[in-house]
Amino acid sequence: MVTDWVEHEFQAVDLGNKRLSYRLKLCVSQAARMGESTPDRARSKADLKATYRLVDNPKVSMDEILSQHNQSTFVQKARC
């Protein structure tokens, strides 16, 4: 399940594929559970495999992900 704050934070992320964008949001939601390793956060072996495939996907750029995160943070600070 994608949490509301993740959906808002990454609403404009465009990885060129809706499934990749959704997978990113799902992985970030799972990563928000502090104190758990990546395998422990995954709900199933399929989720874990999908997480690793997302990270290894050449279409997924850490710069794109961080750019969206930074933009969301900047907009939220400007509203304060």
N, C-alpha and C. Protein backbone atom coordinates (compact mmCIF):
# COMPACT_ATOMS: atom_id res chain seq x y z
N MET A 1 0.84 -1.18 0.00
CA MET A 1 0.00 0.00 0.00
C MET A 1 0.89 1.25 0.00
N VAL A 2 0.59 2.17 -0.88
CA VAL A 2 1.32 3.43 -0.95
C VAL A 2 0.72 4.39 0.06
N THR A 3 1.55 4.94 0.93
CA THR A 3 1.05 5.87 1.94
C THR A 3 0.75 7.22 1.30
N ASP A 4 -0.12 7.98 1.94
CA ASP A 4 -0.55 9.27 1.40
C ASP A 4 0.61 10.23 1.19
N TRP A 5 1.53 10.28 2.16
CA TRP A 5 2.62 11.25 2.02
C TRP A 5 3.55 10.88 0.87
N VAL A 6 3.72 9.59 0.61
CA VAL A 6 4.56 9.17 -0.51
C VAL A 6 3.87 9.53 -1.82
N GLU A 7 2.58 9.30 -1.90
CA GLU A 7 1.82 9.65 -3.10
C GLU A 7 1.95 11.15 -3.38
N HIS A 8 1.83 11.96 -2.34
CA HIS A 8 1.96 13.41 -2.51
C HIS A 8 3.38 13.80 -2.88
N GLU A 9 4.34 13.21 -2.19
CA GLU A 9 5.75 13.54 -2.40
C GLU A 9 6.22 13.25 -3.82
N PHE A 10 5.74 12.15 -4.38
CA PHE A 10 6.19 11.71 -5.70
C PHE A 10 5.09 11.79 -6.76
N GLN A 11 4.14 12.68 -6.57
CA GLN A 11 3.01 12.77 -7.50
C GLN A 11 3.44 13.13 -8.93
N ALA A 12 4.50 13.86 -9.09
CA ALA A 12 4.93 14.29 -10.43
C ALA A 12 6.08 13.45 -10.99
N VAL A 13 6.50 12.41 -10.27
CA VAL A 13 7.60 11.59 -10.77
C VAL A 13 7.14 10.88 -12.05
N ASP A 14 8.01 10.89 -13.05
CA ASP A 14 7.69 10.25 -14.32
C ASP A 14 8.88 9.40 -14.75
N LEU A 15 8.75 8.10 -14.56
CA LEU A 15 9.82 7.20 -14.95
C LEU A 15 9.56 6.60 -16.33
N GLY A 16 8.58 7.17 -17.04
CA GLY A 16 8.29 6.72 -18.39
C GLY A 16 7.36 5.52 -18.44
N ASN A 17 6.91 5.05 -17.29
CA ASN A 17 6.05 3.88 -17.23
C ASN A 17 5.27 3.96 -15.92
N LYS A 18 3.95 3.88 -16.01
CA LYS A 18 3.12 3.99 -14.80
C LYS A 18 3.45 2.91 -13.77
N ARG A 19 3.76 1.70 -14.25
CA ARG A 19 4.07 0.63 -13.31
C ARG A 19 5.37 0.90 -12.56
N LEU A 20 6.38 1.46 -13.26
CA LEU A 20 7.63 1.81 -12.58
C LEU A 20 7.40 2.91 -11.55
N SER A 21 6.62 3.91 -11.92
CA SER A 21 6.33 5.01 -10.98
C SER A 21 5.60 4.49 -9.75
N TYR A 22 4.63 3.59 -9.96
CA TYR A 22 3.92 3.00 -8.83
C TYR A 22 4.85 2.15 -7.98
N ARG A 23 5.72 1.38 -8.62
CA ARG A 23 6.65 0.53 -7.88
C ARG A 23 7.58 1.38 -7.02
N LEU A 24 8.03 2.52 -7.57
CA LEU A 24 8.87 3.42 -6.79
C LEU A 24 8.13 3.87 -5.53
N LYS A 25 6.88 4.30 -5.69
CA LYS A 25 6.10 4.77 -4.55
C LYS A 25 5.89 3.65 -3.53
N LEU A 26 5.64 2.46 -4.02
CA LEU A 26 5.45 1.33 -3.12
C LEU A 26 6.74 1.02 -2.36
N CYS A 27 7.86 1.04 -3.05
CA CYS A 27 9.15 0.77 -2.40
C CYS A 27 9.49 1.83 -1.36
N VAL A 28 9.20 3.09 -1.66
CA VAL A 28 9.45 4.16 -0.69
C VAL A 28 8.54 3.98 0.52
N SER A 29 7.30 3.60 0.29
CA SER A 29 6.38 3.35 1.41
C SER A 29 6.89 2.23 2.29
N GLN A 30 7.38 1.17 1.66
CA GLN A 30 7.93 0.05 2.43
C GLN A 30 9.20 0.47 3.16
N ALA A 31 10.02 1.29 2.54
CA ALA A 31 11.28 1.73 3.15
C ALA A 31 11.04 2.64 4.34
N ALA A 32 9.87 3.23 4.42
CA ALA A 32 9.56 4.13 5.53
C ALA A 32 9.42 3.39 6.86
N ARG A 33 9.30 2.08 6.78
CA ARG A 33 9.24 1.29 8.02
C ARG A 33 10.65 1.17 8.58
N MET A 34 10.94 1.96 9.56
CA MET A 34 12.28 2.04 10.13
C MET A 34 12.65 0.75 10.85
N GLY A 35 13.93 0.46 10.83
CA GLY A 35 14.44 -0.66 11.59
C GLY A 35 14.31 -2.01 10.91
N GLU A 36 13.86 -2.03 9.67
CA GLU A 36 13.73 -3.29 8.97
C GLU A 36 14.63 -3.28 7.74
N SER A 37 15.20 -4.42 7.45
CA SER A 37 16.02 -4.54 6.24
C SER A 37 15.10 -4.64 5.02
N THR A 38 15.68 -4.47 3.85
CA THR A 38 14.88 -4.53 2.63
C THR A 38 14.12 -5.85 2.52
N PRO A 39 14.75 -7.00 2.75
CA PRO A 39 13.98 -8.25 2.67
C PRO A 39 12.85 -8.34 3.70
N ASP A 40 13.06 -7.76 4.89
CA ASP A 40 12.01 -7.81 5.92
C ASP A 40 10.85 -6.88 5.60
N ARG A 41 11.11 -5.80 4.89
CA ARG A 41 10.05 -4.85 4.54
C ARG A 41 9.13 -5.38 3.45
N ALA A 42 9.66 -6.21 2.57
CA ALA A 42 8.86 -6.74 1.47
C ALA A 42 7.80 -7.69 2.01
N ARG A 43 6.62 -7.62 1.45
CA ARG A 43 5.53 -8.47 1.92
C ARG A 43 5.61 -9.88 1.36
N SER A 44 6.34 -10.01 0.26
CA SER A 44 6.45 -11.32 -0.38
C SER A 44 7.76 -11.38 -1.16
N LYS A 45 8.08 -12.58 -1.64
CA LYS A 45 9.27 -12.72 -2.47
C LYS A 45 9.11 -11.93 -3.77
N ALA A 46 7.89 -11.86 -4.27
CA ALA A 46 7.63 -11.09 -5.49
C ALA A 46 7.90 -9.61 -5.27
N ASP A 47 7.48 -9.08 -4.12
CA ASP A 47 7.74 -7.67 -3.79
C ASP A 47 9.23 -7.41 -3.67
N LEU A 48 9.94 -8.32 -3.05
CA LEU A 48 11.38 -8.16 -2.90
C LEU A 48 12.08 -8.17 -4.26
N LYS A 49 11.69 -9.10 -5.10
CA LYS A 49 12.27 -9.18 -6.44
C LYS A 49 11.95 -7.91 -7.23
N ALA A 50 10.73 -7.41 -7.11
CA ALA A 50 10.34 -6.18 -7.80
C ALA A 50 11.16 -4.99 -7.32
N THR A 51 11.46 -4.95 -6.03
CA THR A 51 12.28 -3.86 -5.49
C THR A 51 13.68 -3.89 -6.09
N TYR A 52 14.28 -5.07 -6.13
CA TYR A 52 15.61 -5.19 -6.70
C TYR A 52 15.61 -4.89 -8.21
N ARG A 53 14.55 -5.28 -8.89
CA ARG A 53 14.46 -4.99 -10.33
C ARG A 53 14.31 -3.48 -10.56
N LEU A 54 13.58 -2.80 -9.69
CA LEU A 54 13.43 -1.35 -9.80
C LEU A 54 14.79 -0.67 -9.66
N VAL A 55 15.54 -1.08 -8.66
CA VAL A 55 16.85 -0.48 -8.41
C VAL A 55 17.81 -0.74 -9.56
N ASP A 56 17.71 -1.90 -10.16
CA ASP A 56 18.60 -2.26 -11.27
C ASP A 56 18.13 -1.76 -12.63
N ASN A 57 16.95 -1.18 -12.71
CA ASN A 57 16.39 -0.76 -13.98
C ASN A 57 17.11 0.48 -14.51
N PRO A 58 17.63 0.43 -15.73
CA PRO A 58 18.34 1.59 -16.28
C PRO A 58 17.43 2.80 -16.54
N LYS A 59 16.12 2.57 -16.57
CA LYS A 59 15.18 3.69 -16.78
C LYS A 59 14.95 4.48 -15.50
N VAL A 60 15.35 3.91 -14.38
CA VAL A 60 15.15 4.55 -13.08
C VAL A 60 16.43 5.27 -12.69
N SER A 61 16.32 6.56 -12.54
CA SER A 61 17.48 7.39 -12.23
C SER A 61 17.35 7.95 -10.81
N MET A 62 18.38 7.77 -10.02
CA MET A 62 18.37 8.33 -8.67
C MET A 62 18.25 9.86 -8.74
N ASP A 63 18.83 10.46 -9.77
CA ASP A 63 18.72 11.91 -9.94
C ASP A 63 17.27 12.33 -10.12
N GLU A 64 16.51 11.58 -10.90
CA GLU A 64 15.08 11.87 -11.11
C GLU A 64 14.31 11.75 -9.80
N ILE A 65 14.59 10.70 -9.06
CA ILE A 65 13.90 10.46 -7.79
C ILE A 65 14.23 11.58 -6.80
N LEU A 66 15.49 11.90 -6.65
CA LEU A 66 15.88 12.95 -5.71
C LEU A 66 15.41 14.32 -6.15
N SER A 67 15.39 14.55 -7.45
CA SER A 67 14.90 15.83 -7.98
C SER A 67 13.44 16.04 -7.57
N GLN A 68 12.61 15.00 -7.73
CA GLN A 68 11.20 15.09 -7.35
C GLN A 68 11.06 15.29 -5.85
N HIS A 69 11.85 14.58 -5.07
CA HIS A 69 11.81 14.72 -3.61
C HIS A 69 12.21 16.15 -3.21
N ASN A 70 13.30 16.65 -3.79
CA ASN A 70 13.75 18.01 -3.48
C ASN A 70 12.72 19.05 -3.87
N GLN A 71 12.09 18.87 -5.02
CA GLN A 71 11.07 19.81 -5.47
C GLN A 71 9.89 19.82 -4.51
N SER A 72 9.45 18.65 -4.07
CA SER A 72 8.34 18.57 -3.12
C SER A 72 8.70 19.23 -1.81
N THR A 73 9.92 19.02 -1.36
CA THR A 73 10.37 19.63 -0.10
C THR A 73 10.42 21.14 -0.24
N PHE A 74 10.91 21.65 -1.35
CA PHE A 74 10.99 23.08 -1.59
C PHE A 74 9.60 23.71 -1.60
N VAL A 75 8.66 23.07 -2.26
CA VAL A 75 7.28 23.59 -2.33
C VAL A 75 6.65 23.61 -0.94
N GLN A 76 6.88 22.55 -0.15
CA GLN A 76 6.30 22.49 1.19
C GLN A 76 6.89 23.58 2.09
N LYS A 77 8.19 23.82 1.98
CA LYS A 77 8.83 24.87 2.78
C LYS A 77 8.32 26.25 2.38
N ALA A 78 8.07 26.45 1.10
CA ALA A 78 7.60 27.74 0.62
C ALA A 78 6.21 28.05 1.15
N ARG A 79 5.42 27.02 1.41
CA ARG A 79 4.05 27.21 1.93
C ARG A 79 4.05 27.58 3.41
N CYS A 80 5.13 27.28 4.12
CA CYS A 80 5.18 27.53 5.59
C CYS A 80 5.30 28.98 5.92
